[in-house]
N, C-alpha and C. Protein backbone atom coordinates (compact mmCIF):
# COMPACT_ATOMS: atom_id res chain seq x y z
N MET A 1 -54.11 44.43 48.64
CA MET A 1 -53.37 44.90 47.53
C MET A 1 -52.19 43.98 47.27
N HIS A 2 -51.92 43.80 46.02
CA HIS A 2 -50.81 42.90 45.64
C HIS A 2 -49.51 43.67 45.58
N LYS A 3 -48.50 43.02 46.13
CA LYS A 3 -47.18 43.61 46.01
C LYS A 3 -46.57 43.17 44.70
N LEU A 4 -45.95 44.04 44.06
CA LEU A 4 -45.25 43.69 42.84
C LEU A 4 -43.84 43.24 43.19
N HIS A 5 -43.55 42.02 42.76
CA HIS A 5 -42.20 41.50 43.00
C HIS A 5 -41.35 41.76 41.78
N LYS A 6 -40.21 42.26 42.03
CA LYS A 6 -39.28 42.47 40.92
C LYS A 6 -38.58 41.15 40.64
N ARG A 7 -38.65 40.70 39.42
CA ARG A 7 -38.01 39.42 39.06
C ARG A 7 -36.56 39.68 38.68
N ASN A 8 -35.70 38.88 39.25
CA ASN A 8 -34.29 38.95 38.88
C ASN A 8 -34.06 38.06 37.67
N ARG A 9 -33.38 38.58 36.74
CA ARG A 9 -33.08 37.80 35.54
C ARG A 9 -31.56 37.70 35.41
N GLY A 10 -31.11 36.52 34.91
CA GLY A 10 -29.68 36.32 34.73
C GLY A 10 -29.09 35.52 35.87
N PHE A 11 -27.76 35.50 35.88
CA PHE A 11 -27.04 34.74 36.88
C PHE A 11 -26.41 35.68 37.89
N SER A 12 -26.29 35.17 39.08
CA SER A 12 -25.52 35.93 40.07
C SER A 12 -24.05 35.60 39.84
N LEU A 13 -23.20 36.39 40.41
CA LEU A 13 -21.76 36.18 40.25
C LEU A 13 -21.33 34.82 40.82
N ILE A 14 -21.91 34.42 41.91
CA ILE A 14 -21.57 33.13 42.53
C ILE A 14 -21.99 31.98 41.62
N GLU A 15 -23.18 32.06 41.04
CA GLU A 15 -23.63 31.00 40.12
C GLU A 15 -22.72 30.92 38.91
N LEU A 16 -22.29 32.04 38.38
CA LEU A 16 -21.39 32.06 37.22
C LEU A 16 -20.04 31.45 37.56
N VAL A 17 -19.49 31.78 38.71
CA VAL A 17 -18.19 31.24 39.14
C VAL A 17 -18.28 29.73 39.34
N ILE A 18 -19.33 29.25 39.96
CA ILE A 18 -19.50 27.81 40.18
C ILE A 18 -19.64 27.09 38.84
N THR A 19 -20.39 27.65 37.92
CA THR A 19 -20.55 27.03 36.59
C THR A 19 -19.21 26.97 35.87
N LEU A 20 -18.44 28.05 35.90
CA LEU A 20 -17.12 28.05 35.26
C LEU A 20 -16.17 27.06 35.92
N LEU A 21 -16.25 26.93 37.23
CA LEU A 21 -15.41 25.98 37.95
C LEU A 21 -15.74 24.55 37.54
N ILE A 22 -17.02 24.22 37.49
CA ILE A 22 -17.42 22.87 37.07
C ILE A 22 -16.99 22.61 35.62
N GLY A 23 -17.18 23.60 34.75
CA GLY A 23 -16.76 23.44 33.35
C GLY A 23 -15.27 23.23 33.22
N SER A 24 -14.47 23.97 33.98
CA SER A 24 -13.01 23.82 33.89
C SER A 24 -12.56 22.47 34.44
N ILE A 25 -13.23 21.97 35.46
CA ILE A 25 -12.89 20.63 35.99
C ILE A 25 -13.20 19.56 34.95
N LEU A 26 -14.34 19.68 34.28
CA LEU A 26 -14.70 18.71 33.24
C LEU A 26 -13.71 18.78 32.08
N LEU A 27 -13.29 19.96 31.68
CA LEU A 27 -12.31 20.09 30.60
C LEU A 27 -10.96 19.50 31.01
N ALA A 28 -10.53 19.79 32.24
CA ALA A 28 -9.25 19.27 32.71
C ALA A 28 -9.26 17.74 32.76
N TRP A 29 -10.39 17.16 33.03
CA TRP A 29 -10.49 15.70 33.05
C TRP A 29 -10.66 15.15 31.63
N GLY A 30 -11.39 15.85 30.78
CA GLY A 30 -11.73 15.32 29.47
C GLY A 30 -10.65 15.42 28.42
N ILE A 31 -9.84 16.46 28.43
CA ILE A 31 -8.84 16.65 27.38
C ILE A 31 -7.80 15.54 27.37
N PRO A 32 -7.18 15.16 28.50
CA PRO A 32 -6.24 14.03 28.44
C PRO A 32 -6.91 12.72 28.02
N ASN A 33 -8.13 12.49 28.45
CA ASN A 33 -8.83 11.28 28.04
C ASN A 33 -9.11 11.30 26.54
N TYR A 34 -9.43 12.46 26.00
CA TYR A 34 -9.67 12.57 24.56
C TYR A 34 -8.38 12.31 23.79
N ARG A 35 -7.26 12.82 24.29
CA ARG A 35 -5.97 12.58 23.63
C ARG A 35 -5.64 11.09 23.62
N ASP A 36 -5.83 10.44 24.76
CA ASP A 36 -5.58 8.99 24.83
C ASP A 36 -6.52 8.23 23.90
N PHE A 37 -7.77 8.66 23.84
CA PHE A 37 -8.73 8.04 22.93
C PHE A 37 -8.28 8.16 21.48
N LYS A 38 -7.80 9.34 21.10
CA LYS A 38 -7.33 9.54 19.72
C LYS A 38 -6.12 8.65 19.40
N VAL A 39 -5.20 8.53 20.35
CA VAL A 39 -4.01 7.70 20.14
C VAL A 39 -4.41 6.24 20.01
N ARG A 40 -5.30 5.76 20.90
CA ARG A 40 -5.75 4.37 20.83
C ARG A 40 -6.49 4.10 19.52
N LYS A 41 -7.31 5.04 19.08
CA LYS A 41 -8.04 4.88 17.82
C LYS A 41 -7.07 4.84 16.64
N GLN A 42 -6.04 5.66 16.68
CA GLN A 42 -5.04 5.66 15.62
C GLN A 42 -4.33 4.30 15.55
N ILE A 43 -3.99 3.74 16.70
CA ILE A 43 -3.34 2.42 16.74
C ILE A 43 -4.28 1.36 16.20
N VAL A 44 -5.54 1.39 16.61
CA VAL A 44 -6.52 0.40 16.14
C VAL A 44 -6.72 0.52 14.63
N ASP A 45 -6.84 1.74 14.13
CA ASP A 45 -7.03 1.94 12.68
C ASP A 45 -5.83 1.43 11.89
N THR A 46 -4.63 1.75 12.36
CA THR A 46 -3.42 1.29 11.67
C THR A 46 -3.31 -0.23 11.73
N THR A 47 -3.63 -0.81 12.88
CA THR A 47 -3.59 -2.27 13.01
C THR A 47 -4.58 -2.92 12.05
N ASN A 48 -5.78 -2.37 11.96
CA ASN A 48 -6.78 -2.92 11.04
C ASN A 48 -6.31 -2.84 9.59
N GLU A 49 -5.71 -1.71 9.20
CA GLU A 49 -5.20 -1.58 7.84
C GLU A 49 -4.07 -2.58 7.57
N PHE A 50 -3.21 -2.75 8.56
CA PHE A 50 -2.09 -3.67 8.39
C PHE A 50 -2.56 -5.12 8.31
N VAL A 51 -3.51 -5.50 9.16
CA VAL A 51 -4.07 -6.85 9.10
C VAL A 51 -4.77 -7.07 7.76
N TYR A 52 -5.47 -6.05 7.28
CA TYR A 52 -6.11 -6.16 5.97
C TYR A 52 -5.06 -6.41 4.89
N SER A 53 -3.93 -5.71 4.95
CA SER A 53 -2.86 -5.92 3.96
C SER A 53 -2.31 -7.34 4.02
N ILE A 54 -2.15 -7.86 5.21
CA ILE A 54 -1.65 -9.23 5.38
C ILE A 54 -2.64 -10.22 4.79
N ASN A 55 -3.91 -10.07 5.15
CA ASN A 55 -4.93 -10.98 4.63
C ASN A 55 -5.10 -10.84 3.12
N PHE A 56 -4.95 -9.64 2.61
CA PHE A 56 -5.04 -9.43 1.17
C PHE A 56 -3.89 -10.15 0.45
N ALA A 57 -2.68 -10.04 1.00
CA ALA A 57 -1.53 -10.73 0.40
C ALA A 57 -1.75 -12.24 0.40
N ARG A 58 -2.25 -12.74 1.49
CA ARG A 58 -2.52 -14.18 1.59
C ARG A 58 -3.57 -14.61 0.57
N ALA A 59 -4.65 -13.85 0.46
CA ALA A 59 -5.72 -14.18 -0.48
C ALA A 59 -5.23 -14.11 -1.93
N GLU A 60 -4.37 -13.13 -2.22
CA GLU A 60 -3.84 -13.02 -3.58
C GLU A 60 -2.90 -14.16 -3.91
N ALA A 61 -2.15 -14.64 -2.92
CA ALA A 61 -1.28 -15.80 -3.15
C ALA A 61 -2.11 -17.02 -3.52
N ILE A 62 -3.22 -17.20 -2.83
CA ILE A 62 -4.11 -18.33 -3.14
C ILE A 62 -4.73 -18.12 -4.52
N ARG A 63 -5.16 -16.89 -4.79
CA ARG A 63 -5.81 -16.60 -6.06
C ARG A 63 -4.88 -16.79 -7.25
N TYR A 64 -3.64 -16.29 -7.13
CA TYR A 64 -2.67 -16.41 -8.23
C TYR A 64 -2.03 -17.80 -8.28
N GLY A 65 -2.16 -18.56 -7.20
CA GLY A 65 -1.54 -19.88 -7.16
C GLY A 65 -0.03 -19.80 -7.13
N GLY A 66 0.49 -18.76 -6.53
CA GLY A 66 1.95 -18.58 -6.46
C GLY A 66 2.33 -17.84 -5.20
N VAL A 67 3.55 -17.38 -5.16
CA VAL A 67 4.08 -16.69 -3.99
C VAL A 67 3.81 -15.19 -4.11
N VAL A 68 3.24 -14.64 -3.04
CA VAL A 68 3.04 -13.19 -2.96
C VAL A 68 3.82 -12.68 -1.76
N ARG A 69 4.57 -11.61 -1.99
CA ARG A 69 5.44 -11.05 -0.95
C ARG A 69 4.84 -9.77 -0.38
N LEU A 70 4.84 -9.71 0.94
CA LEU A 70 4.45 -8.52 1.67
C LEU A 70 5.74 -7.92 2.21
N ARG A 71 6.00 -6.66 1.88
CA ARG A 71 7.28 -6.08 2.30
C ARG A 71 7.12 -4.62 2.65
N GLY A 72 8.00 -4.17 3.53
CA GLY A 72 8.08 -2.75 3.83
C GLY A 72 8.73 -2.04 2.65
N ARG A 73 8.36 -0.80 2.46
CA ARG A 73 8.90 -0.08 1.32
C ARG A 73 10.11 0.73 1.74
N GLY A 74 10.95 1.00 0.80
CA GLY A 74 12.17 1.76 1.06
C GLY A 74 13.38 0.89 0.86
N ALA A 75 14.52 1.52 0.80
CA ALA A 75 15.77 0.80 0.54
C ALA A 75 16.07 -0.23 1.62
N SER A 76 15.76 0.09 2.86
CA SER A 76 16.06 -0.83 3.96
C SER A 76 14.94 -1.83 4.21
N ARG A 77 13.85 -1.72 3.45
CA ARG A 77 12.67 -2.59 3.64
C ARG A 77 12.19 -2.54 5.08
N ASP A 78 12.31 -1.37 5.67
CA ASP A 78 11.89 -1.17 7.05
C ASP A 78 10.38 -0.98 7.10
N TRP A 79 9.74 -1.57 8.09
CA TRP A 79 8.29 -1.45 8.26
C TRP A 79 7.91 -0.14 8.93
N SER A 80 8.87 0.54 9.51
CA SER A 80 8.58 1.73 10.33
C SER A 80 7.92 2.85 9.55
N ASN A 81 8.22 2.96 8.25
CA ASN A 81 7.61 4.06 7.52
C ASN A 81 6.14 3.79 7.22
N GLY A 82 5.66 2.61 7.54
CA GLY A 82 4.25 2.32 7.44
C GLY A 82 3.75 1.99 6.05
N THR A 83 4.62 2.02 5.05
CA THR A 83 4.17 1.70 3.71
C THR A 83 4.47 0.25 3.41
N VAL A 84 3.54 -0.41 2.79
CA VAL A 84 3.63 -1.84 2.52
C VAL A 84 3.33 -2.07 1.05
N THR A 85 4.09 -2.95 0.41
CA THR A 85 3.80 -3.32 -0.97
C THR A 85 3.56 -4.82 -1.05
N LEU A 86 2.75 -5.22 -2.02
CA LEU A 86 2.49 -6.63 -2.29
C LEU A 86 2.96 -6.93 -3.70
N GLU A 87 3.73 -7.98 -3.84
CA GLU A 87 4.27 -8.34 -5.15
C GLU A 87 4.06 -9.82 -5.42
N VAL A 88 3.71 -10.13 -6.66
CA VAL A 88 3.61 -11.53 -7.09
C VAL A 88 5.00 -11.95 -7.53
N LEU A 89 5.54 -13.01 -6.95
CA LEU A 89 6.89 -13.44 -7.27
C LEU A 89 6.92 -14.52 -8.35
N ASP A 90 5.90 -15.39 -8.39
CA ASP A 90 5.86 -16.42 -9.42
C ASP A 90 5.26 -15.82 -10.68
N GLY A 91 5.81 -16.20 -11.80
CA GLY A 91 5.29 -15.67 -13.06
C GLY A 91 5.81 -14.25 -13.26
N PRO A 92 5.00 -13.40 -13.87
CA PRO A 92 5.47 -12.02 -14.09
C PRO A 92 5.56 -11.30 -12.74
N ASN A 93 6.78 -10.90 -12.42
CA ASN A 93 7.02 -10.24 -11.13
C ASN A 93 6.43 -8.84 -11.18
N ARG A 94 5.34 -8.63 -10.46
CA ARG A 94 4.69 -7.32 -10.52
C ARG A 94 4.11 -6.93 -9.17
N ARG A 95 4.01 -5.65 -8.98
CA ARG A 95 3.42 -5.10 -7.76
C ARG A 95 1.91 -5.09 -7.95
N ILE A 96 1.19 -5.63 -6.98
CA ILE A 96 -0.27 -5.69 -7.11
C ILE A 96 -0.98 -4.70 -6.20
N ALA A 97 -0.32 -4.22 -5.18
CA ALA A 97 -0.96 -3.25 -4.28
C ALA A 97 0.09 -2.52 -3.48
N GLU A 98 -0.30 -1.35 -3.03
CA GLU A 98 0.56 -0.57 -2.16
C GLU A 98 -0.32 0.15 -1.14
N VAL A 99 0.02 -0.01 0.10
CA VAL A 99 -0.73 0.64 1.18
C VAL A 99 -0.14 2.02 1.39
N PRO A 100 -0.97 3.06 1.47
CA PRO A 100 -0.42 4.41 1.69
C PRO A 100 0.27 4.51 3.04
N PRO A 101 1.16 5.48 3.19
CA PRO A 101 1.89 5.62 4.45
C PRO A 101 0.95 5.87 5.62
N PHE A 102 1.36 5.35 6.77
CA PHE A 102 0.62 5.59 8.00
C PHE A 102 1.10 6.91 8.59
N ASP A 103 0.51 7.30 9.68
CA ASP A 103 0.89 8.52 10.39
C ASP A 103 2.36 8.44 10.81
N ASN A 104 3.03 9.58 10.86
CA ASN A 104 4.45 9.61 11.22
C ASN A 104 4.72 9.15 12.64
N ASN A 105 3.73 9.24 13.51
CA ASN A 105 3.92 8.82 14.90
C ASN A 105 3.82 7.31 15.07
N ILE A 106 3.42 6.60 14.03
CA ILE A 106 3.25 5.15 14.09
C ILE A 106 4.56 4.47 13.72
N GLN A 107 4.93 3.50 14.53
CA GLN A 107 6.11 2.70 14.24
C GLN A 107 5.71 1.23 14.21
N ILE A 108 6.14 0.53 13.17
CA ILE A 108 5.87 -0.89 13.04
C ILE A 108 7.20 -1.62 13.09
N THR A 109 7.34 -2.50 14.07
CA THR A 109 8.56 -3.29 14.19
C THR A 109 8.22 -4.76 14.08
N GLN A 110 9.17 -5.53 13.59
CA GLN A 110 8.95 -6.95 13.36
C GLN A 110 9.92 -7.74 14.22
N ALA A 111 9.43 -8.83 14.79
CA ALA A 111 10.25 -9.73 15.60
C ALA A 111 9.69 -11.13 15.42
N GLY A 112 10.23 -12.09 16.12
CA GLY A 112 9.73 -13.45 16.06
C GLY A 112 10.75 -14.39 15.46
N ASP A 113 10.27 -15.49 14.87
CA ASP A 113 11.16 -16.50 14.31
C ASP A 113 11.91 -16.00 13.08
N PHE A 114 11.36 -15.02 12.38
CA PHE A 114 12.08 -14.42 11.27
C PHE A 114 11.67 -12.96 11.14
N THR A 115 12.52 -12.18 10.50
CA THR A 115 12.21 -10.78 10.18
C THR A 115 12.48 -10.56 8.70
N GLY A 116 11.85 -9.55 8.16
CA GLY A 116 12.03 -9.23 6.75
C GLY A 116 10.74 -9.47 5.99
N ASP A 117 10.88 -9.71 4.69
CA ASP A 117 9.72 -9.90 3.83
C ASP A 117 8.89 -11.10 4.28
N VAL A 118 7.58 -10.99 4.10
CA VAL A 118 6.65 -12.06 4.46
C VAL A 118 6.10 -12.63 3.16
N ASP A 119 6.44 -13.89 2.87
CA ASP A 119 6.03 -14.54 1.64
C ASP A 119 4.96 -15.59 1.92
N PHE A 120 3.85 -15.48 1.18
CA PHE A 120 2.76 -16.46 1.27
C PHE A 120 2.80 -17.36 0.04
N ASN A 121 2.63 -18.68 0.26
CA ASN A 121 2.62 -19.61 -0.86
C ASN A 121 1.21 -19.77 -1.41
N SER A 122 1.05 -20.66 -2.38
CA SER A 122 -0.24 -20.83 -3.05
C SER A 122 -1.33 -21.39 -2.14
N LEU A 123 -0.95 -21.91 -0.98
CA LEU A 123 -1.93 -22.40 -0.02
C LEU A 123 -2.26 -21.35 1.05
N GLY A 124 -1.59 -20.20 0.98
CA GLY A 124 -1.82 -19.14 1.95
C GLY A 124 -0.96 -19.24 3.19
N ALA A 125 -0.05 -20.21 3.22
CA ALA A 125 0.83 -20.39 4.37
C ALA A 125 2.12 -19.59 4.15
N LEU A 126 2.86 -19.38 5.23
CA LEU A 126 4.14 -18.71 5.10
C LEU A 126 5.14 -19.65 4.44
N VAL A 127 5.92 -19.13 3.51
CA VAL A 127 6.85 -19.95 2.75
C VAL A 127 7.92 -20.57 3.65
N ASN A 128 8.45 -19.79 4.59
CA ASN A 128 9.54 -20.32 5.42
C ASN A 128 9.05 -21.19 6.58
N GLY A 129 7.75 -21.25 6.82
CA GLY A 129 7.21 -22.14 7.86
C GLY A 129 7.39 -21.66 9.28
N ASN A 130 7.80 -20.42 9.46
CA ASN A 130 7.98 -19.86 10.81
C ASN A 130 7.01 -18.70 11.01
N SER A 131 6.68 -18.44 12.26
CA SER A 131 5.79 -17.32 12.56
C SER A 131 6.60 -16.03 12.72
N THR A 132 5.91 -14.93 12.57
CA THR A 132 6.54 -13.62 12.79
C THR A 132 5.55 -12.74 13.54
N ARG A 133 6.08 -11.73 14.18
CA ARG A 133 5.28 -10.86 15.04
C ARG A 133 5.55 -9.40 14.66
N PHE A 134 4.48 -8.61 14.61
CA PHE A 134 4.59 -7.19 14.35
C PHE A 134 4.04 -6.42 15.54
N ARG A 135 4.75 -5.38 15.92
CA ARG A 135 4.29 -4.49 17.00
C ARG A 135 4.01 -3.13 16.38
N ILE A 136 2.79 -2.66 16.56
CA ILE A 136 2.38 -1.36 16.03
C ILE A 136 2.18 -0.45 17.22
N GLU A 137 2.94 0.65 17.25
CA GLU A 137 2.88 1.52 18.41
C GLU A 137 2.99 2.98 18.02
N ASN A 138 2.53 3.83 18.93
CA ASN A 138 2.67 5.26 18.77
C ASN A 138 3.96 5.64 19.48
N THR A 139 4.86 6.31 18.79
CA THR A 139 6.16 6.64 19.37
C THR A 139 6.08 7.70 20.46
N ASN A 140 4.98 8.45 20.51
CA ASN A 140 4.83 9.50 21.52
C ASN A 140 4.24 8.99 22.83
N VAL A 141 3.54 7.85 22.79
CA VAL A 141 2.87 7.33 23.99
C VAL A 141 3.34 5.89 24.20
N SER A 142 3.95 5.62 25.35
CA SER A 142 4.58 4.32 25.56
C SER A 142 3.58 3.18 25.72
N HIS A 143 2.39 3.43 26.22
CA HIS A 143 1.44 2.34 26.50
C HIS A 143 0.48 2.09 25.34
N ALA A 144 0.65 2.77 24.22
CA ALA A 144 -0.28 2.62 23.09
C ALA A 144 0.34 1.72 22.03
N PHE A 145 -0.01 0.44 22.05
CA PHE A 145 0.51 -0.48 21.05
C PHE A 145 -0.43 -1.66 20.89
N ARG A 146 -0.27 -2.37 19.78
CA ARG A 146 -0.94 -3.64 19.50
C ARG A 146 0.10 -4.56 18.87
N GLU A 147 -0.13 -5.85 18.99
CA GLU A 147 0.77 -6.82 18.37
C GLU A 147 -0.04 -7.77 17.50
N ILE A 148 0.56 -8.11 16.37
CA ILE A 148 -0.03 -9.03 15.41
C ILE A 148 0.94 -10.19 15.23
N VAL A 149 0.43 -11.39 15.23
CA VAL A 149 1.25 -12.57 14.97
C VAL A 149 0.74 -13.24 13.70
N ILE A 150 1.66 -13.51 12.78
CA ILE A 150 1.31 -14.29 11.60
C ILE A 150 1.84 -15.69 11.84
N LEU A 151 0.93 -16.65 11.94
CA LEU A 151 1.28 -18.04 12.22
C LEU A 151 1.81 -18.71 10.95
N PRO A 152 2.53 -19.83 11.08
CA PRO A 152 3.03 -20.53 9.90
C PRO A 152 1.94 -20.87 8.89
N SER A 153 0.72 -21.07 9.35
CA SER A 153 -0.38 -21.37 8.43
C SER A 153 -0.82 -20.15 7.62
N GLY A 154 -0.33 -18.98 8.01
CA GLY A 154 -0.69 -17.74 7.33
C GLY A 154 -1.80 -16.97 8.01
N SER A 155 -2.44 -17.59 8.99
CA SER A 155 -3.52 -16.88 9.69
C SER A 155 -2.93 -15.83 10.62
N VAL A 156 -3.73 -14.82 10.90
CA VAL A 156 -3.28 -13.68 11.70
C VAL A 156 -3.98 -13.67 13.03
N ARG A 157 -3.23 -13.45 14.09
CA ARG A 157 -3.78 -13.34 15.44
C ARG A 157 -3.42 -11.96 15.99
N LEU A 158 -4.40 -11.33 16.59
CA LEU A 158 -4.19 -10.03 17.22
C LEU A 158 -3.99 -10.24 18.71
N ILE A 159 -2.93 -9.65 19.24
CA ILE A 159 -2.65 -9.74 20.67
C ILE A 159 -2.93 -8.37 21.25
N ARG A 160 -3.87 -8.30 22.16
CA ARG A 160 -4.22 -7.03 22.79
C ARG A 160 -3.46 -6.90 24.09
N PRO A 161 -2.87 -5.75 24.31
CA PRO A 161 -2.12 -5.57 25.56
C PRO A 161 -3.04 -5.44 26.76
């Protein structure tokens, strides 16, 4: 005669506790990594937009055959607010592009041989002949930054930390 075995369905309490423990360990490890990933991605995206603005200003200077200025917006012409304008200085002085503001946590600072407006001549080189450096960083996280160098020739180099 066959014995009928009663099948247990579901989880035992021990299996449920172990599963919850493993899940909580994975979450505790994953959430800080996800936050760091988001901050790094934000820095990379902002850097790419800023490099695009620099290259666009340079290309427009060559296209117009005159001086195009890349500048921070605002009364102090500070780069920190993340907004950038491009203006043609030779001929009719007009604004040709404006980059929308970056995230509030992003700070852009300028250093190097000169600070202030960046002017490209008709050959795409910097008008003053000196290089400048921009640091793009997240103000909430100290290790999240990138640096961009604009060489006297007008070309852009990315420095990865």
